Structures are given as structure tokens and as C-alpha cells.
Amino acid sequence: MRNASCPLTPEQADRRGIAWVIGSFVLCPCHLPITLGVLVAVLSGTAIGVLVRSHLYLAGAIISIAWLAGTLHGFNLMRRARIESYTSRTDSHIVLK
């Protein structure tokens, strides 16, 4: 089966990277008490809510790992966009006559 996705332009990759970093900010470990409180409140009455409430350290570790993975992915997208924008330039500032 073929890959039907289109390649990202450097601008699109940069915007996606910024979105990933901003989205990961919600899961930042410095916000962990707030994040866990909201997570338990939203999932209250469900089996996942009971699991999160009874294993707060494990839930905190998973949220921290998700934050780290999202932040690193966002920075990687932004880095790749900057590298591609410099290496794929076809216009030259030097004009030979």
C-alpha cells in the first residue's frame, strides 16, 4: 500500500512543531497537581478515573513522559523545518553576470 500523505513544507513543519510544544505545555510536570486534579475530575466515575486516583505516581510519570515526548517531537519538527528551509533553497543571493 502506498503512503498517501503529502510531504510537509518547512513552514507547515514549523507550525506543527510550535503547536506540539504549546500542546505539551498543558502536560508540563510543573502543572502536574492541576493536571492530575482535572484528569481525576473529568474521569470520575469511570474505571480509568479510579486507576488514576489510586496510582497517582504512575499517572504522574506517564504524564511527564508524554510531556517530554511531545516537547521533543515539537522541537524536532521545528529543527527539521529550519534545516530543510536552508538546504532546499533554490534562489541565490549572488547573481553572476
C-alpha atoms as a PDB file:
ATOM      1  CA  MET A   1       0.000   0.000   0.000  1.00  0.00           C
ATOM      2  CA  ARG A   2       1.269   3.453  -0.867  1.00  0.00           C
ATOM      3  CA  ASN A   3       1.836   6.289   1.523  1.00  0.00           C
ATOM      4  CA  ALA A   4      -0.848   8.823   0.574  1.00  0.00           C
ATOM      5  CA  SER A   5       0.446  11.691   2.708  1.00  0.00           C
ATOM      6  CA  CYS A   6       1.967  14.804   1.198  1.00  0.00           C
ATOM      7  CA  PRO A   7       5.393  15.972   2.344  1.00  0.00           C
ATOM      8  CA  LEU A   8       5.389  18.907   4.740  1.00  0.00           C
ATOM      9  CA  THR A   9       6.738  22.245   3.669  1.00  0.00           C
ATOM     10  CA  PRO A  10       9.183  23.861   6.101  1.00  0.00           C
ATOM     11  CA  GLU A  11       6.532  26.400   7.120  1.00  0.00           C
ATOM     12  CA  GLN A  12       3.989  23.677   7.879  1.00  0.00           C
ATOM     13  CA  ALA A  13       6.542  21.653   9.846  1.00  0.00           C
ATOM     14  CA  ASP A  14       7.493  24.745  11.860  1.00  0.00           C
ATOM     15  CA  ARG A  15       3.847  25.492  12.667  1.00  0.00           C
ATOM     16  CA  ARG A  16       3.225  21.885  13.689  1.00  0.00           C
ATOM     17  CA  GLY A  17       6.292  21.949  15.898  1.00  0.00           C
ATOM     18  CA  ILE A  18       5.079  25.096  17.643  1.00  0.00           C
ATOM     19  CA  ALA A  19       1.630  23.512  18.105  1.00  0.00           C
ATOM     20  CA  TRP A  20       3.204  20.387  19.623  1.00  0.00           C
ATOM     21  CA  VAL A  21       5.260  22.453  22.083  1.00  0.00           C
ATOM     22  CA  ILE A  22       2.247  24.562  23.088  1.00  0.00           C
ATOM     23  CA  GLY A  23       0.089  21.448  23.441  1.00  0.00           C
ATOM     24  CA  SER A  24       2.742  19.764  25.554  1.00  0.00           C
ATOM     25  CA  PHE A  25       2.802  22.787  27.854  1.00  0.00           C
ATOM     26  CA  VAL A  26      -0.533  21.575  29.260  1.00  0.00           C
ATOM     27  CA  LEU A  27       1.154  18.349  30.380  1.00  0.00           C
ATOM     28  CA  CYS A  28       4.207  20.100  31.838  1.00  0.00           C
ATOM     29  CA  PRO A  29       5.331  18.498  35.127  1.00  0.00           C
ATOM     30  CA  CYS A  30       5.208  21.863  36.890  1.00  0.00           C
ATOM     31  CA  HIS A  31       1.434  21.782  36.280  1.00  0.00           C
ATOM     32  CA  LEU A  32       1.160  18.178  37.447  1.00  0.00           C
ATOM     33  CA  PRO A  33      -1.064  18.801  40.520  1.00  0.00           C
ATOM     34  CA  ILE A  34      -3.513  20.766  38.382  1.00  0.00           C
ATOM     35  CA  THR A  35      -3.355  18.254  35.527  1.00  0.00           C
ATOM     36  CA  LEU A  36      -3.950  15.293  37.824  1.00  0.00           C
ATOM     37  CA  GLY A  37      -6.813  17.093  39.565  1.00  0.00           C
ATOM     38  CA  VAL A  38      -8.522  17.908  36.273  1.00  0.00           C
ATOM     39  CA  LEU A  39      -7.872  14.389  34.969  1.00  0.00           C
ATOM     40  CA  VAL A  40      -9.401  12.781  38.062  1.00  0.00           C
ATOM     41  CA  ALA A  41     -12.389  15.154  37.950  1.00  0.00           C
ATOM     42  CA  VAL A  42     -13.048  14.534  34.254  1.00  0.00           C
ATOM     43  CA  LEU A  43     -12.664  10.771  34.571  1.00  0.00           C
ATOM     44  CA  SER A  44     -14.565  10.433  37.854  1.00  0.00           C
ATOM     45  CA  GLY A  45     -16.985   7.546  37.898  1.00  0.00           C
ATOM     46  CA  THR A  46     -15.017   5.584  35.306  1.00  0.00           C
ATOM     47  CA  ALA A  47     -12.571   2.738  35.707  1.00  0.00           C
ATOM     48  CA  ILE A  48      -9.756   4.899  34.346  1.00  0.00           C
ATOM     49  CA  GLY A  49     -10.567   7.591  36.913  1.00  0.00           C
ATOM     50  CA  VAL A  50     -10.249   5.054  39.731  1.00  0.00           C
ATOM     51  CA  LEU A  51      -6.986   3.814  38.246  1.00  0.00           C
ATOM     52  CA  VAL A  52      -5.545   7.333  38.025  1.00  0.00           C
ATOM     53  CA  ARG A  53      -6.676   8.211  41.556  1.00  0.00           C
ATOM     54  CA  SER A  54      -5.257   5.048  43.102  1.00  0.00           C
ATOM     55  CA  HIS A  55      -1.930   5.259  41.234  1.00  0.00           C
ATOM     56  CA  LEU A  56      -1.053   8.977  41.271  1.00  0.00           C
ATOM     57  CA  TYR A  57       2.717   8.456  40.990  1.00  0.00           C
ATOM     58  CA  LEU A  58       2.338   6.195  37.977  1.00  0.00           C
ATOM     59  CA  ALA A  59      -0.116   8.635  36.353  1.00  0.00           C
ATOM     60  CA  GLY A  60       2.318  11.488  37.060  1.00  0.00           C
ATOM     61  CA  ALA A  61       5.174   9.550  35.485  1.00  0.00           C
ATOM     62  CA  ILE A  62       3.103   8.766  32.378  1.00  0.00           C
ATOM     63  CA  ILE A  63       2.013  12.400  32.035  1.00  0.00           C
ATOM     64  CA  SER A  64       5.631  13.551  32.426  1.00  0.00           C
ATOM     65  CA  ILE A  65       6.809  11.105  29.765  1.00  0.00           C
ATOM     66  CA  ALA A  66       4.026  12.289  27.443  1.00  0.00           C
ATOM     67  CA  TRP A  67       5.113  15.898  28.054  1.00  0.00           C
ATOM     68  CA  LEU A  68       8.733  15.066  27.280  1.00  0.00           C
ATOM     69  CA  ALA A  69       7.852  13.123  24.131  1.00  0.00           C
ATOM     70  CA  GLY A  70       5.552  15.885  22.836  1.00  0.00           C
ATOM     71  CA  THR A  71       8.063  18.629  23.550  1.00  0.00           C
ATOM     72  CA  LEU A  72      10.918  16.737  21.905  1.00  0.00           C
ATOM     73  CA  HIS A  73       8.737  15.960  18.881  1.00  0.00           C
ATOM     74  CA  GLY A  74       7.803  19.633  18.552  1.00  0.00           C
ATOM     75  CA  PHE A  75      11.415  20.788  18.782  1.00  0.00           C
ATOM     76  CA  ASN A  76      12.433  18.104  16.279  1.00  0.00           C
ATOM     77  CA  LEU A  77       9.795  19.328  13.795  1.00  0.00           C
ATOM     78  CA  MET A  78      10.972  22.928  14.199  1.00  0.00           C
ATOM     79  CA  ARG A  79      14.635  21.926  13.813  1.00  0.00           C
ATOM     80  CA  ARG A  80      13.877  19.846  10.726  1.00  0.00           C
ATOM     81  CA  ALA A  81      11.894  22.743   9.215  1.00  0.00           C
ATOM     82  CA  ARG A  82      14.799  25.131   9.685  1.00  0.00           C
ATOM     83  CA  ILE A  83      17.297  22.674   8.217  1.00  0.00           C
ATOM     84  CA  GLU A  84      15.060  21.998   5.200  1.00  0.00           C
ATOM     85  CA  SER A  85      14.453  25.687   4.603  1.00  0.00           C
ATOM     86  CA  TYR A  86      18.222  26.299   4.382  1.00  0.00           C
ATOM     87  CA  THR A  87      19.114  23.228   2.344  1.00  0.00           C
ATOM     88  CA  SER A  88      16.255  23.390  -0.170  1.00  0.00           C
ATOM     89  CA  ARG A  89      16.703  26.987  -1.251  1.00  0.00           C
ATOM     90  CA  THR A  90      16.832  27.405  -4.991  1.00  0.00           C
ATOM     91  CA  ASP A  91      17.172  31.155  -5.040  1.00  0.00           C
ATOM     92  CA  SER A  92      20.651  32.555  -4.692  1.00  0.00           C
ATOM     93  CA  HIS A  93      21.583  35.949  -3.393  1.00  0.00           C
ATOM     94  CA  ILE A  94      24.597  36.033  -5.671  1.00  0.00           C
ATOM     95  CA  VAL A  95      23.857  36.891  -9.264  1.00  0.00           C
ATOM     96  CA  LEU A  96      26.536  36.051 -11.805  1.00  0.00           C
ATOM     97  CA  LYS A  97      26.705  38.139 -14.983  1.00  0.00           C
END
